[in-house]
Protein backbone atom coordinates (compact mmCIF):
# COMPACT_ATOMS: atom_id res chain seq x y z
CA MET A 1 -18.80 -11.80 -20.44
CA THR A 2 -17.51 -8.38 -21.47
CA ILE A 3 -15.56 -6.39 -18.88
CA ARG A 4 -16.41 -2.69 -18.98
CA VAL A 5 -13.35 -0.48 -18.51
CA ALA A 6 -13.07 3.26 -17.81
CA MET A 7 -9.86 5.22 -17.45
CA ALA A 8 -8.46 8.51 -16.22
CA ASP A 9 -5.17 10.02 -17.37
CA ASP A 10 -4.38 13.69 -17.94
CA GLN A 11 -2.26 12.85 -21.01
CA ALA A 12 -4.70 12.46 -23.89
CA LEU A 13 -2.23 10.59 -26.09
CA VAL A 14 -1.46 7.99 -23.41
CA ARG A 15 -5.13 7.66 -22.50
CA GLY A 16 -6.11 7.14 -26.13
CA ALA A 17 -3.37 4.59 -26.71
CA LEU A 18 -4.33 2.54 -23.66
CA ALA A 19 -8.00 2.65 -24.65
CA ALA A 20 -7.20 1.53 -28.20
CA LEU A 21 -5.04 -1.36 -26.97
CA LEU A 22 -7.63 -2.61 -24.49
CA ASP A 23 -10.46 -2.29 -27.03
CA LEU A 24 -8.62 -4.80 -29.24
CA GLU A 25 -9.28 -7.49 -26.62
CA PRO A 26 -12.49 -9.43 -27.38
CA ASP A 27 -13.66 -9.48 -23.76
CA LEU A 28 -12.80 -5.86 -22.84
CA THR A 29 -14.62 -2.71 -23.86
CA VAL A 30 -13.67 0.85 -22.92
CA VAL A 31 -16.85 2.66 -21.88
CA GLY A 32 -15.35 6.05 -21.05
CA GLU A 33 -12.26 8.21 -20.61
CA ALA A 34 -11.54 11.15 -18.30
CA GLU A 35 -8.69 13.64 -17.91
CA SER A 36 -8.75 13.84 -14.09
CA GLY A 37 -9.99 12.09 -10.98
CA SER A 38 -12.97 14.41 -10.55
CA ALA A 39 -13.94 14.00 -14.23
CA LEU A 40 -13.74 10.22 -13.74
CA LEU A 41 -16.16 10.39 -10.80
CA ARG A 42 -18.61 12.37 -12.92
CA LEU A 43 -18.25 9.76 -15.66
CA LEU A 44 -18.90 6.88 -13.25
CA ALA A 45 -22.08 8.59 -12.05
CA THR A 46 -23.58 8.04 -15.51
CA THR A 47 -21.60 5.07 -16.90
CA GLU A 48 -21.19 1.63 -15.35
CA ALA A 49 -17.62 0.32 -15.27
CA ASP A 50 -16.32 -2.95 -13.85
CA VAL A 51 -12.66 -1.86 -13.73
CA VAL A 52 -11.23 1.64 -13.71
CA LEU A 53 -7.64 2.45 -14.72
CA VAL A 54 -6.25 5.58 -13.04
CA ASP A 55 -2.97 7.43 -13.27
CA VAL A 56 -1.45 8.75 -10.02
CA GLU A 57 -0.34 12.25 -10.96
CA MET A 58 -3.30 14.18 -12.36
CA PRO A 59 -4.54 17.72 -11.80
CA ASP A 60 -7.64 18.52 -9.76
CA MET A 61 -7.83 15.13 -8.03
CA ASP A 62 -4.97 12.65 -8.20
CA GLY A 63 -5.35 8.92 -8.72
CA ILE A 64 -5.01 7.98 -5.05
CA GLU A 65 -7.70 10.46 -3.99
CA ALA A 66 -9.86 9.21 -6.87
CA THR A 67 -9.34 5.61 -5.73
CA GLU A 68 -10.63 6.44 -2.24
CA ALA A 69 -13.65 8.24 -3.70
CA ILE A 70 -14.45 5.40 -6.12
CA ARG A 71 -14.27 2.79 -3.37
CA ARG A 72 -16.69 4.87 -1.27
CA SER A 73 -19.19 5.77 -4.00
CA PHE A 74 -18.88 2.81 -6.39
CA PRO A 75 -17.79 -0.16 -4.23
CA ALA A 76 -18.47 -2.72 -6.97
CA THR A 77 -15.95 -1.02 -9.29
CA LYS A 78 -12.36 -2.28 -9.06
CA VAL A 79 -9.49 0.21 -9.36
CA LEU A 80 -6.23 -0.52 -11.17
CA VAL A 81 -3.51 2.12 -10.88
CA VAL A 82 -1.47 2.40 -14.09
CA THR A 83 1.28 4.97 -13.74
CA THR A 84 4.57 6.20 -15.14
CA PHE A 85 5.79 6.75 -11.61
CA GLY A 86 6.55 3.37 -10.09
CA ARG A 87 7.35 4.72 -6.64
CA PRO A 88 7.07 2.48 -3.56
CA GLY A 89 5.24 5.15 -1.57
CA TYR A 90 2.65 5.49 -4.31
CA LEU A 91 2.10 1.74 -4.28
CA ARG A 92 1.62 1.66 -0.52
CA ARG A 93 -0.76 4.64 -0.55
CA ALA A 94 -2.74 3.25 -3.50
CA VAL A 95 -3.26 -0.12 -1.80
CA GLN A 96 -4.27 1.63 1.43
CA ALA A 97 -6.79 3.68 -0.59
CA GLY A 98 -8.36 0.47 -1.91
CA ALA A 99 -6.69 -0.13 -5.27
CA ALA A 100 -6.91 -3.74 -6.43
CA GLY A 101 -3.83 -3.45 -8.65
CA PHE A 102 -0.78 -1.31 -9.36
CA VAL A 103 1.33 -1.52 -12.52
CA VAL A 104 3.57 0.80 -14.52
CA LYS A 105 2.75 2.10 -18.00
CA ASP A 106 5.53 0.21 -19.74
CA THR A 107 3.71 -3.04 -18.93
CA PRO A 108 3.17 -4.94 -22.23
CA ALA A 109 -0.36 -4.57 -23.65
CA ARG A 110 -1.20 -8.27 -23.34
CA GLN A 111 -0.03 -8.29 -19.72
CA LEU A 112 -2.06 -5.15 -18.95
CA ALA A 113 -5.20 -6.75 -20.41
CA ASP A 114 -4.58 -9.87 -18.32
CA THR A 115 -4.13 -7.67 -15.24
CA VAL A 116 -7.52 -6.06 -15.90
CA ARG A 117 -9.08 -9.53 -16.07
CA ARG A 118 -7.40 -10.67 -12.86
CA VAL A 119 -8.43 -7.53 -10.98
CA HIS A 120 -12.00 -7.98 -12.26
CA SER A 121 -12.01 -11.55 -10.96
CA GLY A 122 -11.20 -10.31 -7.45
CA LEU A 123 -7.43 -10.78 -7.34
CA ARG A 124 -4.94 -8.15 -6.18
CA VAL A 125 -2.20 -7.61 -8.77
CA VAL A 126 0.94 -5.65 -7.95
CA ASP A 127 4.18 -5.21 -9.91
CA PRO A 128 6.50 -7.62 -8.01
CA ALA A 129 9.61 -5.41 -8.19
CA LEU A 130 7.66 -2.47 -6.79
CA ALA A 131 6.20 -4.62 -4.03
CA ALA A 132 9.69 -5.69 -2.95
CA ASP A 133 10.96 -2.11 -3.07
CA SER A 134 7.98 -0.90 -1.05
CA LEU A 135 8.64 -3.46 1.67
CA ALA A 136 12.32 -2.50 1.75
CA ARG A 137 11.64 1.23 2.10
CA GLY A 138 8.75 0.96 4.53
CA GLU A 139 6.26 3.64 5.51
CA SER A 140 6.92 7.35 5.14
CA PRO A 141 8.81 8.59 8.21
CA LEU A 142 7.01 11.94 8.01
CA THR A 143 3.99 12.93 10.08
CA THR A 144 0.89 14.27 8.34
CA ARG A 145 1.83 17.83 9.35
CA GLU A 146 5.42 17.39 8.14
CA THR A 147 4.09 16.11 4.83
CA ASP A 148 1.91 19.22 4.51
CA VAL A 149 4.89 21.46 5.26
CA LEU A 150 7.18 19.65 2.83
CA ARG A 151 4.55 19.71 0.08
CA ALA A 152 4.30 23.50 0.53
CA ALA A 153 8.10 23.80 0.67
CA ALA A 154 8.45 21.85 -2.58
CA ALA A 155 6.81 24.77 -4.38
CA GLY A 156 9.87 26.86 -3.47
CA GLY A 157 8.27 29.46 -1.21
CA SER A 158 9.89 31.14 1.80
CA VAL A 159 9.31 30.02 5.39
CA SER A 160 6.78 32.84 5.64
CA ASP A 161 4.96 31.60 2.52
CA ILE A 162 4.87 28.04 3.87
CA ALA A 163 3.60 29.25 7.26
CA ASP A 164 0.75 31.13 5.58
CA GLU A 165 -0.18 28.15 3.43
CA VAL A 166 -0.29 25.58 6.25
CA ASN A 167 -1.54 27.96 8.98
CA LEU A 168 1.44 27.55 11.30
CA SER A 169 3.89 30.00 12.86
CA GLU A 170 7.23 30.50 11.12
CA GLY A 171 9.03 29.00 14.12
CA THR A 172 6.91 25.84 13.94
CA VAL A 173 7.55 25.58 10.19
CA ARG A 174 11.32 25.85 10.80
CA ASN A 175 11.08 23.08 13.42
CA HIS A 176 9.15 20.86 11.02
CA LEU A 177 11.66 21.50 8.21
CA SER A 178 14.54 20.61 10.52
CA SER A 179 12.80 17.38 11.51
CA ILE A 180 12.02 16.56 7.87
CA ILE A 181 15.63 17.07 6.79
CA GLY A 182 16.79 14.81 9.61
CA LYS A 183 14.28 12.05 8.87
CA THR A 184 14.98 12.00 5.15
CA MET A 185 18.75 12.39 5.67
CA ALA A 186 18.66 15.23 3.16
CA ARG A 187 21.11 18.11 2.66
CA ASN A 188 18.39 20.78 2.69
CA ARG A 189 14.64 21.14 2.22
CA ALA A 190 14.85 21.00 -1.59
CA ASP A 191 16.75 17.72 -1.31
CA ALA A 192 14.19 16.47 1.24
CA ALA A 193 11.37 17.29 -1.19
CA ARG A 194 13.19 15.43 -3.99
CA ILE A 195 13.73 12.35 -1.80
CA ALA A 196 10.11 12.36 -0.62
CA GLN A 197 8.77 12.74 -4.17
CA GLN A 198 10.97 9.94 -5.50
CA SER A 199 9.75 7.71 -2.67
CA GLY A 200 6.12 8.58 -3.34
CA TRP A 201 5.60 10.12 0.11
CA LEU A 202 4.24 13.40 -1.29
């Protein structure tokens, strides 16, 4: 039986290389490629795929949002996250969104093809080092609102800019930033944003 594979990655060179490698396998065939999560959903509306490979960081709709949407609209399609950014928070969020697998892009081609097969067969496949790191770090300590504030702060705007973006008063934004800095044990909000991004909490 041939396993139909689709993929989404905003880097055309990476996307093309992965497609070419998987197409070399006798039992895998790449049926479509997309440059974003929303483009992938449009593709899946017209093309049947058994397994979908998605990157995490993409414009328009990221891989975790795309995973949630795919699981809702195309429940028979399995999602395998293949990303450069092997961050524990990304792994946790991807699994919560319904991903059946999570591996990094430097996975050898033969191993990646085998992972596609295992995911297709109904197994959950996760990079073991990332799984251990995710367990060690635990859940994000930030509330949903704090995450919104920190995401806005990461863009480098003033407290006033952040308040406008997240529809809060400047005083409330300052309180959230203070809490965020404390929870992440950061030196300042820029450091907090760096820590949260490296952990995959943003």
